C-alpha atoms as a PDB file:
ATOM      1  CA  UNK A   1     -54.721  41.459  68.315  1.00  0.00           C
ATOM      2  CA  UNK A   2     -54.773  43.014  64.846  1.00  0.00           C
ATOM      3  CA  UNK A   3     -51.939  42.172  62.512  1.00  0.00           C
ATOM      4  CA  UNK A   4     -50.425  44.592  59.984  1.00  0.00           C
ATOM      5  CA  UNK A   5     -51.624  44.124  56.408  1.00  0.00           C
ATOM      6  CA  UNK A   6     -49.430  42.682  53.661  1.00  0.00           C
ATOM      7  CA  UNK A   7     -48.748  45.133  50.839  1.00  0.00           C
ATOM      8  CA  UNK A   8     -49.776  44.076  47.295  1.00  0.00           C
ATOM      9  CA  UNK A   9     -48.407  45.793  44.187  1.00  0.00           C
ATOM     10  CA  UNK A  10     -50.052  44.788  40.894  1.00  0.00           C
ATOM     11  CA  UNK A  11     -47.351  44.603  38.216  1.00  0.00           C
ATOM     12  CA  UNK A  12     -49.428  43.265  35.292  1.00  0.00           C
ATOM     13  CA  UNK A  13     -53.183  42.966  34.831  1.00  0.00           C
ATOM     14  CA  UNK A  14     -54.311  42.047  31.331  1.00  0.00           C
ATOM     15  CA  UNK A  15     -56.783  39.662  29.691  1.00  0.00           C
ATOM     16  CA  UNK A  16     -54.596  36.589  30.440  1.00  0.00           C
ATOM     17  CA  UNK A  17     -52.822  37.115  33.796  1.00  0.00           C
ATOM     18  CA  UNK A  18     -52.665  39.229  36.928  1.00  0.00           C
ATOM     19  CA  UNK A  19     -49.198  39.473  38.498  1.00  0.00           C
ATOM     20  CA  UNK A  20     -48.964  40.838  42.040  1.00  0.00           C
ATOM     21  CA  UNK A  21     -45.919  41.308  44.253  1.00  0.00           C
ATOM     22  CA  UNK A  22     -46.804  40.716  47.908  1.00  0.00           C
ATOM     23  CA  UNK A  23     -44.605  42.199  50.662  1.00  0.00           C
ATOM     24  CA  UNK A  24     -45.145  41.093  54.248  1.00  0.00           C
ATOM     25  CA  UNK A  25     -43.594  42.851  57.223  1.00  0.00           C
ATOM     26  CA  UNK A  26     -42.965  40.450  60.125  1.00  0.00           C
ATOM     27  CA  UNK A  27     -46.373  39.255  61.350  1.00  0.00           C
ATOM     28  CA  UNK A  28     -48.298  40.825  58.434  1.00  0.00           C
ATOM     29  CA  UNK A  29     -51.271  39.042  56.874  1.00  0.00           C
ATOM     30  CA  UNK A  30     -53.349  39.081  53.689  1.00  0.00           C
ATOM     31  CA  UNK A  31     -56.648  38.661  55.519  1.00  0.00           C
ATOM     32  CA  UNK A  32     -59.074  35.836  54.738  1.00  0.00           C
ATOM     33  CA  UNK A  33     -59.724  35.429  51.022  1.00  0.00           C
ATOM     34  CA  UNK A  34     -60.802  32.853  48.423  1.00  0.00           C
ATOM     35  CA  UNK A  35     -58.911  32.579  45.148  1.00  0.00           C
ATOM     36  CA  UNK A  36     -61.130  33.077  42.097  1.00  0.00           C
ATOM     37  CA  UNK A  37     -58.471  31.874  39.638  1.00  0.00           C
ATOM     38  CA  UNK A  38     -55.776  29.211  39.388  1.00  0.00           C
ATOM     39  CA  UNK A  39     -52.468  30.735  40.469  1.00  0.00           C
ATOM     40  CA  UNK A  40     -48.702  30.301  40.713  1.00  0.00           C
ATOM     41  CA  UNK A  41     -46.590  31.665  43.586  1.00  0.00           C
ATOM     42  CA  UNK A  42     -42.900  32.478  43.113  1.00  0.00           C
ATOM     43  CA  UNK A  43     -41.244  33.046  46.510  1.00  0.00           C
ATOM     44  CA  UNK A  44     -38.584  35.760  46.451  1.00  0.00           C
ATOM     45  CA  UNK A  45     -37.596  35.023  50.066  1.00  0.00           C
ATOM     46  CA  UNK A  46     -36.797  31.772  51.868  1.00  0.00           C
ATOM     47  CA  UNK A  47     -38.745  31.264  55.055  1.00  0.00           C
ATOM     48  CA  UNK A  48     -42.041  30.019  56.436  1.00  0.00           C
ATOM     49  CA  UNK A  49     -45.564  31.321  56.019  1.00  0.00           C
ATOM     50  CA  UNK A  50     -48.425  30.441  58.352  1.00  0.00           C
ATOM     51  CA  UNK A  51     -51.662  29.589  56.552  1.00  0.00           C
ATOM     52  CA  UNK A  52     -54.930  29.830  58.437  1.00  0.00           C
ATOM     53  CA  UNK A  53     -57.364  27.561  56.574  1.00  0.00           C
ATOM     54  CA  UNK A  54     -60.869  26.222  57.229  1.00  0.00           C
ATOM     55  CA  UNK A  55     -59.131  22.935  58.152  1.00  0.00           C
ATOM     56  CA  UNK A  56     -56.778  24.609  60.653  1.00  0.00           C
ATOM     57  CA  UNK A  57     -53.306  26.177  60.641  1.00  0.00           C
ATOM     58  CA  UNK A  58     -50.599  24.960  58.254  1.00  0.00           C
ATOM     59  CA  UNK A  59     -46.950  26.012  58.329  1.00  0.00           C
ATOM     60  CA  UNK A  60     -45.644  26.320  54.786  1.00  0.00           C
ATOM     61  CA  UNK A  61     -41.846  26.384  54.308  1.00  0.00           C
ATOM     62  CA  UNK A  62     -40.876  28.192  51.088  1.00  0.00           C
ATOM     63  CA  UNK A  63     -37.608  28.522  49.199  1.00  0.00           C
ATOM     64  CA  UNK A  64     -36.727  31.564  47.082  1.00  0.00           C
ATOM     65  CA  UNK A  65     -37.204  30.745  43.407  1.00  0.00           C
ATOM     66  CA  UNK A  66     -39.044  27.430  44.010  1.00  0.00           C
ATOM     67  CA  UNK A  67     -42.539  28.005  42.588  1.00  0.00           C
ATOM     68  CA  UNK A  68     -45.780  26.199  43.377  1.00  0.00           C
ATOM     69  CA  UNK A  69     -49.319  26.287  41.988  1.00  0.00           C
ATOM     70  CA  UNK A  70     -52.827  26.046  43.436  1.00  0.00           C
ATOM     71  CA  UNK A  71     -56.286  25.714  41.882  1.00  0.00           C
ATOM     72  CA  UNK A  72     -59.248  28.079  42.031  1.00  0.00           C
ATOM     73  CA  UNK A  73     -61.177  28.006  45.301  1.00  0.00           C
ATOM     74  CA  UNK A  74     -58.327  27.954  47.842  1.00  0.00           C
ATOM     75  CA  UNK A  75     -59.447  29.849  50.954  1.00  0.00           C
ATOM     76  CA  UNK A  76     -56.985  31.071  53.567  1.00  0.00           C
ATOM     77  CA  UNK A  77     -55.266  33.874  55.449  1.00  0.00           C
ATOM     78  CA  UNK A  78     -51.513  34.082  54.756  1.00  0.00           C
ATOM     79  CA  UNK A  79     -49.293  35.317  57.622  1.00  0.00           C
ATOM     80  CA  UNK A  80     -45.560  36.066  57.617  1.00  0.00           C
ATOM     81  CA  UNK A  81     -44.247  33.805  60.377  1.00  0.00           C
ATOM     82  CA  UNK A  82     -40.678  35.163  60.089  1.00  0.00           C
ATOM     83  CA  UNK A  83     -38.787  37.881  61.977  1.00  0.00           C
ATOM     84  CA  UNK A  84     -37.997  39.529  58.620  1.00  0.00           C
ATOM     85  CA  UNK A  85     -39.823  40.791  55.530  1.00  0.00           C
ATOM     86  CA  UNK A  86     -41.165  38.061  53.244  1.00  0.00           C
ATOM     87  CA  UNK A  87     -41.862  38.642  49.537  1.00  0.00           C
ATOM     88  CA  UNK A  88     -43.522  36.531  46.861  1.00  0.00           C
ATOM     89  CA  UNK A  89     -44.936  37.104  43.389  1.00  0.00           C
ATOM     90  CA  UNK A  90     -48.399  35.710  42.673  1.00  0.00           C
ATOM     91  CA  UNK A  91     -49.435  35.010  39.067  1.00  0.00           C
ATOM     92  CA  UNK A  92     -53.178  34.498  38.625  1.00  0.00           C
ATOM     93  CA  UNK A  93     -54.288  32.768  35.413  1.00  0.00           C
ATOM     94  CA  UNK A  94     -57.427  34.236  33.872  1.00  0.00           C
END
């Protein structure tokens, strides 16, 4: 069953960073992707995201305003596992 797609809005894209707001309707996904840059995620919503990874599924609880970072090379599909819209801001470091 196909999931709806998450909606990215690029806010800044310059020679140092790319800042994207991601909005996920309930059940929406990013689709499989591999990160080409180190990045920081700032959740704007509290809830849980489901991560499909090469190692299996991981449930990731997030708290609004509590940021985390990951290194280049992360590969996954991010799915909104909530019954409500989920939003985060992703800051990629060039």
